[in-house]
Amino acid sequence: MGRDRRATKGDIDMKCISTLEVTEKTYIPLMDNIVFGIINYPISSSYIIFFPRLFNLSYGDFLRMVRDKYNATLKGKTSYMVFYFKNKKDCDLFVIDCNKRFDEWRSLRNG
């Protein structure tokens, strides 16, 4: 999806999160496989909480934020709600912010 190469564990400022077009006019953020190896630590439940943790928000507050700030569409009434984007540019902005936050988290974690 527009990346020059896959990220590796040693990369600095790597793009671990990208935009995936699921169907025409439906986009979601996609974590590179390397992310799972790097974050193999405090996430002991579903990886659905990965993005809220990057923003230091509860899942509910995160969904409100992603809807209000990035124009995400929320879906679901039972169990966990999910989000997706109808506009690629909105998803790309979210992905850029996620990559920045992930890089900051990695820097803090690695000292």
C-alpha atoms as a PDB file:
ATOM      1  CA  MET A   1       0.000   0.000   0.000  1.00  0.00           C
ATOM      2  CA  GLY A   2       2.435   2.641  -1.105  1.00  0.00           C
ATOM      3  CA  ARG A   3       5.346   1.690   1.169  1.00  0.00           C
ATOM      4  CA  ASP A   4       8.808   1.384  -0.343  1.00  0.00           C
ATOM      5  CA  ARG A   5       9.817  -1.534   1.881  1.00  0.00           C
ATOM      6  CA  ARG A   6       8.705  -3.471   4.923  1.00  0.00           C
ATOM      7  CA  ALA A   7       9.724  -2.223   8.334  1.00  0.00           C
ATOM      8  CA  THR A   8      12.291  -4.103  10.402  1.00  0.00           C
ATOM      9  CA  LYS A   9      12.908  -4.063  14.146  1.00  0.00           C
ATOM     10  CA  GLY A  10      16.026  -1.894  13.784  1.00  0.00           C
ATOM     11  CA  ASP A  11      14.359   0.864  11.770  1.00  0.00           C
ATOM     12  CA  ILE A  12      13.995   4.311  13.271  1.00  0.00           C
ATOM     13  CA  ASP A  13      10.916   6.311  12.244  1.00  0.00           C
ATOM     14  CA  MET A  14       9.585   3.292  10.380  1.00  0.00           C
ATOM     15  CA  LYS A  15       6.082   3.343   8.989  1.00  0.00           C
ATOM     16  CA  CYS A  16       4.607   0.466  10.952  1.00  0.00           C
ATOM     17  CA  ILE A  17       1.041   1.507  10.326  1.00  0.00           C
ATOM     18  CA  SER A  18      -0.381   2.107   6.865  1.00  0.00           C
ATOM     19  CA  THR A  19      -3.729   2.662   5.170  1.00  0.00           C
ATOM     20  CA  LEU A  20      -5.532  -0.348   3.753  1.00  0.00           C
ATOM     21  CA  GLU A  21      -8.393  -0.032   1.271  1.00  0.00           C
ATOM     22  CA  VAL A  22     -10.809  -2.755   2.356  1.00  0.00           C
ATOM     23  CA  THR A  23     -13.478  -2.031  -0.228  1.00  0.00           C
ATOM     24  CA  GLU A  24     -14.041   0.897  -2.510  1.00  0.00           C
ATOM     25  CA  LYS A  25     -14.358   3.956  -0.252  1.00  0.00           C
ATOM     26  CA  THR A  26     -13.669   2.007   2.953  1.00  0.00           C
ATOM     27  CA  TYR A  27     -10.253   2.385   4.588  1.00  0.00           C
ATOM     28  CA  ILE A  28      -8.735   1.130   7.833  1.00  0.00           C
ATOM     29  CA  PRO A  29      -5.353   1.511   9.514  1.00  0.00           C
ATOM     30  CA  LEU A  30      -3.235  -1.620   9.143  1.00  0.00           C
ATOM     31  CA  MET A  31      -0.410  -2.610  11.490  1.00  0.00           C
ATOM     32  CA  ASP A  32       2.702  -4.106   9.901  1.00  0.00           C
ATOM     33  CA  ASN A  33       3.587  -7.561  11.263  1.00  0.00           C
ATOM     34  CA  ILE A  34       6.661  -6.108  12.951  1.00  0.00           C
ATOM     35  CA  VAL A  35       4.394  -4.126  15.290  1.00  0.00           C
ATOM     36  CA  PHE A  36       3.160  -7.321  16.915  1.00  0.00           C
ATOM     37  CA  GLY A  37       6.732  -8.362  17.744  1.00  0.00           C
ATOM     38  CA  ILE A  38       7.661  -4.942  19.098  1.00  0.00           C
ATOM     39  CA  ILE A  39       4.582  -4.432  21.278  1.00  0.00           C
ATOM     40  CA  ASN A  40       4.571  -7.961  22.631  1.00  0.00           C
ATOM     41  CA  TYR A  41       4.241  -6.588  26.090  1.00  0.00           C
ATOM     42  CA  PRO A  42       1.425  -4.802  27.889  1.00  0.00           C
ATOM     43  CA  ILE A  43      -1.406  -5.796  25.559  1.00  0.00           C
ATOM     44  CA  SER A  44      -2.748  -8.952  27.104  1.00  0.00           C
ATOM     45  CA  SER A  45      -6.183  -8.792  25.552  1.00  0.00           C
ATOM     46  CA  SER A  46      -7.387  -7.904  22.065  1.00  0.00           C
ATOM     47  CA  TYR A  47      -5.196  -5.870  19.723  1.00  0.00           C
ATOM     48  CA  ILE A  48      -8.255  -3.687  19.139  1.00  0.00           C
ATOM     49  CA  ILE A  49      -6.990  -1.622  22.077  1.00  0.00           C
ATOM     50  CA  PHE A  50      -3.636  -0.889  20.403  1.00  0.00           C
ATOM     51  CA  PHE A  51      -4.743   2.435  18.911  1.00  0.00           C
ATOM     52  CA  PRO A  52      -6.472   3.741  22.063  1.00  0.00           C
ATOM     53  CA  ARG A  53      -3.308   2.957  24.042  1.00  0.00           C
ATOM     54  CA  LEU A  54      -1.209   4.974  21.574  1.00  0.00           C
ATOM     55  CA  PHE A  55      -3.418   7.961  22.354  1.00  0.00           C
ATOM     56  CA  ASN A  56      -3.551   7.157  26.094  1.00  0.00           C
ATOM     57  CA  LEU A  57      -7.358   6.986  25.990  1.00  0.00           C
ATOM     58  CA  SER A  58     -10.029   4.551  27.060  1.00  0.00           C
ATOM     59  CA  TYR A  59     -11.673   2.699  24.191  1.00  0.00           C
ATOM     60  CA  GLY A  60     -14.840   4.812  24.412  1.00  0.00           C
ATOM     61  CA  ASP A  61     -12.937   8.109  24.523  1.00  0.00           C
ATOM     62  CA  PHE A  62     -10.747   6.941  21.645  1.00  0.00           C
ATOM     63  CA  LEU A  63     -13.779   6.152  19.476  1.00  0.00           C
ATOM     64  CA  ARG A  64     -15.232   9.602  20.143  1.00  0.00           C
ATOM     65  CA  MET A  65     -11.873  11.211  19.342  1.00  0.00           C
ATOM     66  CA  VAL A  66     -11.326   9.267  16.098  1.00  0.00           C
ATOM     67  CA  ARG A  67     -14.871  10.112  15.012  1.00  0.00           C
ATOM     68  CA  ASP A  68     -14.641  13.818  15.878  1.00  0.00           C
ATOM     69  CA  LYS A  69     -11.019  14.570  14.934  1.00  0.00           C
ATOM     70  CA  TYR A  70     -10.477  12.210  11.973  1.00  0.00           C
ATOM     71  CA  ASN A  71     -14.045  11.794  10.632  1.00  0.00           C
ATOM     72  CA  ALA A  72     -14.096   8.047  11.248  1.00  0.00           C
ATOM     73  CA  THR A  73     -17.310   6.084  10.985  1.00  0.00           C
ATOM     74  CA  LEU A  74     -18.207   3.924  13.981  1.00  0.00           C
ATOM     75  CA  LYS A  75     -19.924   0.575  13.547  1.00  0.00           C
ATOM     76  CA  GLY A  76     -21.345  -1.984  15.956  1.00  0.00           C
ATOM     77  CA  LYS A  77     -23.829  -2.120  18.784  1.00  0.00           C
ATOM     78  CA  THR A  78     -22.749  -5.228  20.660  1.00  0.00           C
ATOM     79  CA  SER A  79     -19.337  -6.192  21.970  1.00  0.00           C
ATOM     80  CA  TYR A  80     -16.617  -3.832  20.702  1.00  0.00           C
ATOM     81  CA  MET A  81     -17.489  -1.093  18.268  1.00  0.00           C
ATOM     82  CA  VAL A  82     -15.029  -0.651  15.401  1.00  0.00           C
ATOM     83  CA  PHE A  83     -14.072   2.299  13.269  1.00  0.00           C
ATOM     84  CA  TYR A  84     -13.281   2.793   9.603  1.00  0.00           C
ATOM     85  CA  PHE A  85     -12.869   5.690   7.219  1.00  0.00           C
ATOM     86  CA  LYS A  86     -14.864   6.585   4.120  1.00  0.00           C
ATOM     87  CA  ASN A  87     -12.178   9.018   2.986  1.00  0.00           C
ATOM     88  CA  LYS A  88      -8.581   7.886   2.391  1.00  0.00           C
ATOM     89  CA  LYS A  89      -7.179  11.297   3.371  1.00  0.00           C
ATOM     90  CA  ASP A  90      -8.825  11.049   6.796  1.00  0.00           C
ATOM     91  CA  CYS A  91      -7.351   7.592   7.312  1.00  0.00           C
ATOM     92  CA  ASP A  92      -3.939   8.791   6.118  1.00  0.00           C
ATOM     93  CA  LEU A  93      -3.985  11.630   8.697  1.00  0.00           C
ATOM     94  CA  PHE A  94      -4.844   9.154  11.434  1.00  0.00           C
ATOM     95  CA  VAL A  95      -2.075   6.804  10.269  1.00  0.00           C
ATOM     96  CA  ILE A  96       0.497   9.635  10.279  1.00  0.00           C
ATOM     97  CA  ASP A  97      -0.402  10.509  13.875  1.00  0.00           C
ATOM     98  CA  CYS A  98      -0.300   6.836  14.894  1.00  0.00           C
ATOM     99  CA  ASN A  99       3.158   6.365  13.372  1.00  0.00           C
ATOM    100  CA  LYS A 100       4.428   9.470  15.203  1.00  0.00           C
ATOM    101  CA  ARG A 101       3.024   8.212  18.501  1.00  0.00           C
ATOM    102  CA  PHE A 102       4.389   4.706  17.908  1.00  0.00           C
ATOM    103  CA  ASP A 103       7.865   6.110  17.174  1.00  0.00           C
ATOM    104  CA  GLU A 104       7.700   8.191  20.380  1.00  0.00           C
ATOM    105  CA  TRP A 105       6.608   5.131  22.374  1.00  0.00           C
ATOM    106  CA  ARG A 106       9.475   3.073  20.934  1.00  0.00           C
ATOM    107  CA  SER A 107      11.985   5.817  21.758  1.00  0.00           C
ATOM    108  CA  LEU A 108      10.782   6.006  25.364  1.00  0.00           C
ATOM    109  CA  ARG A 109      10.701   2.245  25.731  1.00  0.00           C
ATOM    110  CA  ASN A 110      14.179   1.766  24.273  1.00  0.00           C
ATOM    111  CA  GLY A 111      15.650   4.560  26.392  1.00  0.00           C
END
